[in-house]
Structures are given as C-alpha cells and as structure tokens.
C-alpha cells in the first residue's frame, strides 16, 4: 500500500534531510522519492510545484509544500488530523 504523503527529495539537500527526519520522528508514513536514484522524478516534482526547489511534500488532500519549514509541515499535518 502506498502512503498518502509523498516527499520528493535528495540526500544532498539539507532541507530534505530535515523534513525527512521530522516526518520520521512524528511517525508519519510517507513515500520518499529520491531524485538522485530516480532523476526523472525531478520533472514530476517540478510539475507539481512549478519550481525546481526541493523538498516537495505532497499531502493526501492534493496540496503541496515546497521547502517547508518544520512549523509548516506540522501545521499541515495537524490540519489533516495526522498528528
């Protein structure tokens, strides 16, 4: 089963590592799409966000955040009643 949350990122990206750590610490399930392993996914992330910035986090309500702060992610997870 796939998770309702998708995160497009890369290990070299500090914001990606931070967001990934936050989701892990909160026990949130998500699909991590590594843009180094799957470079074509970068086009998908850019299509979603309209930007080249990462991470791109896509939520179950089809909204997304680009380079979100921890507070942004937490607020969105609360809004969706995931935490």
Protein backbone atom coordinates (compact mmCIF):
# COMPACT_ATOMS: atom_id res chain seq x y z
CA UNK A 1 0.00 0.00 0.00
CA UNK A 2 1.35 3.43 -0.83
CA UNK A 3 1.37 6.19 1.69
CA UNK A 4 -0.90 9.20 1.18
CA UNK A 5 2.09 11.53 1.62
CA UNK A 6 4.85 11.76 -0.97
CA UNK A 7 8.14 13.55 -0.47
CA UNK A 8 10.45 14.34 -3.37
CA UNK A 9 13.98 14.99 -2.19
CA UNK A 10 17.68 14.12 -2.26
CA UNK A 11 20.22 13.22 0.41
CA UNK A 12 22.49 16.16 -0.52
CA UNK A 13 19.64 18.58 0.30
CA UNK A 14 19.74 19.82 3.89
CA UNK A 15 16.05 20.84 3.89
CA UNK A 16 15.13 17.40 2.56
CA UNK A 17 17.03 15.67 5.36
CA UNK A 18 15.39 17.96 7.93
CA UNK A 19 11.85 17.30 6.64
CA UNK A 20 12.51 13.56 6.37
CA UNK A 21 13.79 13.49 9.97
CA UNK A 22 10.72 15.41 11.15
CA UNK A 23 8.30 13.00 9.44
CA UNK A 24 10.24 10.02 10.82
CA UNK A 25 10.23 11.44 14.37
CA UNK A 26 6.47 12.09 14.17
CA UNK A 27 5.89 8.53 12.96
CA UNK A 28 4.29 9.75 9.73
CA UNK A 29 4.30 7.24 6.87
CA UNK A 30 5.34 8.68 3.55
CA UNK A 31 6.73 7.63 0.21
CA UNK A 32 10.19 9.09 -0.29
CA UNK A 33 11.12 9.68 -3.91
CA UNK A 34 14.89 10.08 -4.14
CA UNK A 35 15.67 12.33 -7.08
CA UNK A 36 19.25 11.02 -7.27
CA UNK A 37 18.02 7.43 -7.64
CA UNK A 38 15.15 8.45 -9.95
CA UNK A 39 16.18 11.63 -11.82
CA UNK A 40 13.01 11.59 -13.95
CA UNK A 41 11.02 12.17 -10.74
CA UNK A 42 12.53 15.67 -10.64
CA UNK A 43 10.29 16.52 -13.59
CA UNK A 44 7.29 15.21 -11.66
CA UNK A 45 8.21 17.30 -8.61
CA UNK A 46 8.67 20.38 -10.78
CA UNK A 47 5.33 19.73 -12.49
CA UNK A 48 3.61 19.59 -9.09
CA UNK A 49 5.28 22.65 -7.61
CA UNK A 50 6.11 24.77 -10.65
CA UNK A 51 9.59 25.18 -9.15
CA UNK A 52 12.91 23.35 -9.11
CA UNK A 53 13.26 23.62 -5.32
CA UNK A 54 13.11 20.56 -3.07
CA UNK A 55 11.81 19.02 -0.97
CA UNK A 56 8.32 18.92 -2.42
CA UNK A 57 5.86 17.34 0.03
CA UNK A 58 2.51 16.25 -1.42
CA UNK A 59 -0.36 15.65 1.02
CA UNK A 60 -3.49 13.45 0.83
CA UNK A 61 -5.67 16.49 0.10
CA UNK A 62 -3.57 17.05 -3.08
CA UNK A 63 -1.98 20.20 -1.64
CA UNK A 64 1.80 20.50 -1.55
CA UNK A 65 4.57 22.45 0.13
CA UNK A 66 7.95 23.38 -1.34
CA UNK A 67 10.91 23.75 1.05
CA UNK A 68 8.53 23.85 4.03
CA UNK A 69 9.71 24.79 7.50
CA UNK A 70 9.14 22.27 10.29
CA UNK A 71 6.33 24.55 11.53
CA UNK A 72 4.68 24.50 8.07
CA UNK A 73 4.80 20.69 7.93
CA UNK A 74 3.49 20.35 11.48
CA UNK A 75 0.64 22.80 10.82
CA UNK A 76 -0.38 20.90 7.67
CA UNK A 77 -0.24 17.50 9.43
CA UNK A 78 -2.44 18.93 12.22
CA UNK A 79 -4.86 20.39 9.67
CA UNK A 80 -5.17 16.91 8.14
CA UNK A 81 -5.51 15.32 11.61
CA UNK A 82 -2.44 13.18 11.00
CA UNK A 83 -0.85 14.22 14.31
